[in-house]
Amino acid sequence: MKLDLAHQQLTSLPQVDLALDEITDLNLFDNELTEIPADTFAMTNLRILNVSVNQLTHIAPEIQNLQQLTMIDLGHNRLKALPSSIGECHSLLEMDLRSNELEQLPASLRQLTQLERLDLRWNHHLQMPDWLEELEANGCIIYC
């Protein structure tokens, strides 16, 4: 089930009359969120998460609860770092981190051996780690 809450000026996730584990696609594009709402981490069947164009400053370590996640869009936020626990999201195929304030990437991203696409563009302070070559060797297309 898809839950589309884009363009709502949300600062938190509203109460929804749905079982959280039924949600597979959550679109929170273009809101006013400063963090991913805690209820999101209870969406155990979530496959697609779009929280781009918000005000995110950090990602909670509970991101690792989203084991079914195949695509996450964190672009156009204010992230300076990612938690190392994001490397536990082994089903990830696509990760968009464009236009943030990232300075470094957690080495745990090396564990994402299924990753096909990683977008790092417009992170002007990002130090590119040597291990990105390992992801490319696994077939991941990296946009820098």
Protein backbone atom coordinates (compact mmCIF):
# COMPACT_ATOMS: atom_id res chain seq x y z
CA MET A 1 0.00 0.00 0.00
CA LYS A 2 1.24 3.45 -0.90
CA LEU A 3 0.93 6.39 1.47
CA ASP A 4 1.50 9.71 -0.28
CA LEU A 5 1.88 12.72 2.00
CA ALA A 6 3.90 14.94 -0.31
CA HIS A 7 3.56 18.74 -0.28
CA GLN A 8 1.67 18.89 3.04
CA GLN A 9 4.00 21.11 5.11
CA LEU A 10 4.21 18.29 7.67
CA THR A 11 6.50 18.56 10.67
CA SER A 12 5.52 15.08 11.89
CA LEU A 13 3.67 12.05 10.58
CA PRO A 14 -0.10 12.41 11.06
CA GLN A 15 -2.12 9.65 12.69
CA VAL A 16 -3.22 7.22 9.98
CA ASP A 17 -5.90 4.54 10.14
CA LEU A 18 -3.66 1.92 8.57
CA ALA A 19 -1.61 -0.94 9.91
CA LEU A 20 1.94 0.38 9.62
CA ASP A 21 3.23 -2.96 8.36
CA GLU A 22 0.89 -2.71 5.34
CA ILE A 23 2.66 0.38 3.99
CA THR A 24 5.20 -0.48 1.28
CA ASP A 25 5.72 2.97 -0.27
CA LEU A 26 5.91 6.16 1.81
CA ASN A 27 6.20 9.51 0.06
CA LEU A 28 7.01 12.44 2.35
CA PHE A 29 8.50 14.61 -0.42
CA ASP A 30 8.53 18.38 0.09
CA ASN A 31 7.50 18.83 3.70
CA GLU A 32 9.07 20.47 6.76
CA LEU A 33 10.39 17.36 8.51
CA THR A 34 13.60 17.69 10.54
CA GLU A 35 13.81 13.92 11.13
CA ILE A 36 12.25 10.78 9.75
CA PRO A 37 9.13 10.21 11.87
CA ALA A 38 9.63 7.40 14.43
CA ASP A 39 6.52 5.54 13.20
CA THR A 40 8.29 5.03 9.88
CA PHE A 41 10.67 2.56 11.52
CA ALA A 42 7.68 0.33 12.40
CA MET A 43 6.80 0.00 8.71
CA THR A 44 8.54 -3.36 8.40
CA ASN A 45 7.38 -3.96 4.82
CA LEU A 46 8.43 -0.54 3.56
CA ARG A 47 10.22 -0.82 0.22
CA ILE A 48 10.30 2.81 -0.97
CA LEU A 49 10.92 5.83 1.24
CA ASN A 50 11.04 9.34 -0.20
CA VAL A 51 11.89 12.07 2.30
CA SER A 52 13.59 14.38 -0.17
CA VAL A 53 13.13 18.15 -0.01
CA ASN A 54 12.66 18.40 3.74
CA GLN A 55 14.81 19.82 6.55
CA LEU A 56 16.36 16.55 7.76
CA THR A 57 19.46 17.07 9.87
CA HIS A 58 20.02 13.48 11.00
CA ILE A 59 18.81 9.93 10.47
CA ALA A 60 18.03 7.79 13.52
CA PRO A 61 19.91 4.49 13.89
CA GLU A 62 16.53 2.71 13.75
CA ILE A 63 16.77 3.01 9.97
CA GLN A 64 18.18 -0.53 10.21
CA ASN A 65 14.65 -1.77 11.04
CA LEU A 66 13.68 -1.21 7.39
CA GLN A 67 15.06 -4.49 6.09
CA GLN A 68 12.77 -4.57 3.01
CA LEU A 69 13.80 -1.09 1.85
CA THR A 70 14.96 -1.09 -1.79
CA MET A 71 14.96 2.67 -2.47
CA ILE A 72 15.57 5.62 -0.19
CA ASP A 73 15.59 9.25 -1.34
CA LEU A 74 17.21 11.58 1.18
CA GLY A 75 18.12 14.24 -1.34
CA HIS A 76 17.82 17.99 -0.79
CA ASN A 77 18.04 18.00 2.99
CA ARG A 78 20.58 19.19 5.57
CA LEU A 79 22.25 15.90 6.43
CA LYS A 80 25.87 16.10 7.54
CA ALA A 81 26.26 12.39 8.30
CA LEU A 82 24.47 9.05 8.08
CA PRO A 83 24.26 6.48 10.87
CA SER A 84 26.43 3.41 10.41
CA SER A 85 23.28 1.32 10.89
CA ILE A 86 22.15 2.25 7.37
CA GLY A 87 24.57 -0.42 6.19
CA GLU A 88 22.18 -2.99 7.71
CA CYS A 89 19.56 -2.20 5.04
CA HIS A 90 20.86 -5.01 2.84
CA SER A 91 17.98 -4.87 0.33
CA LEU A 92 18.81 -1.33 -0.79
CA LEU A 93 19.16 -0.98 -4.56
CA GLU A 94 19.01 2.83 -4.82
CA MET A 95 20.12 5.60 -2.49
CA ASP A 96 19.80 9.28 -3.37
CA LEU A 97 21.84 11.62 -1.17
CA ARG A 98 22.03 14.61 -3.53
CA SER A 99 22.22 18.16 -2.23
CA ASN A 100 22.97 17.60 1.43
CA GLU A 101 25.82 18.77 3.63
CA LEU A 102 27.48 15.37 3.95
CA GLU A 103 31.11 15.42 5.03
CA GLN A 104 31.77 11.69 5.10
CA LEU A 105 30.02 8.37 4.48
CA PRO A 106 29.86 5.53 6.97
CA ALA A 107 32.08 2.59 5.99
CA SER A 108 29.07 0.34 6.59
CA LEU A 109 27.78 1.36 3.14
CA ARG A 110 30.32 -1.15 1.81
CA GLN A 111 27.96 -3.86 3.07
CA LEU A 112 25.28 -2.82 0.58
CA THR A 113 26.41 -5.30 -2.05
CA GLN A 114 23.10 -5.13 -3.95
CA LEU A 115 23.26 -1.36 -4.34
CA GLU A 116 22.82 -0.42 -8.03
CA ARG A 117 22.69 3.38 -7.79
CA LEU A 118 24.21 5.86 -5.34
CA ASP A 119 23.79 9.58 -5.98
CA LEU A 120 26.24 11.79 -4.08
CA ARG A 121 26.13 14.91 -6.25
CA TRP A 122 26.13 18.39 -4.76
CA ASN A 123 27.61 17.43 -1.39
CA HIS A 124 30.40 19.99 -1.60
CA HIS A 125 32.22 18.97 1.60
CA LEU A 126 32.06 15.21 1.07
CA GLN A 127 35.35 13.33 1.28
CA MET A 128 35.04 10.46 -1.20
CA PRO A 129 36.24 7.26 0.47
CA ASP A 130 38.45 4.77 -1.40
CA TRP A 131 36.00 1.93 -0.77
CA LEU A 132 33.51 3.45 -3.23
CA GLU A 133 35.49 1.51 -5.82
CA GLU A 134 34.28 -1.71 -4.15
CA LEU A 135 30.66 -0.68 -4.73
CA GLU A 136 31.44 0.15 -8.35
CA ALA A 137 33.12 -3.25 -8.78
CA ASN A 138 29.84 -4.81 -7.57
CA GLY A 139 27.99 -2.98 -10.36
CA CYS A 140 26.84 0.13 -8.50
CA ILE A 141 26.65 3.32 -10.55
CA ILE A 142 27.91 6.21 -8.42
CA TYR A 143 27.10 9.80 -9.30
CA CYS A 144 29.61 12.22 -7.77
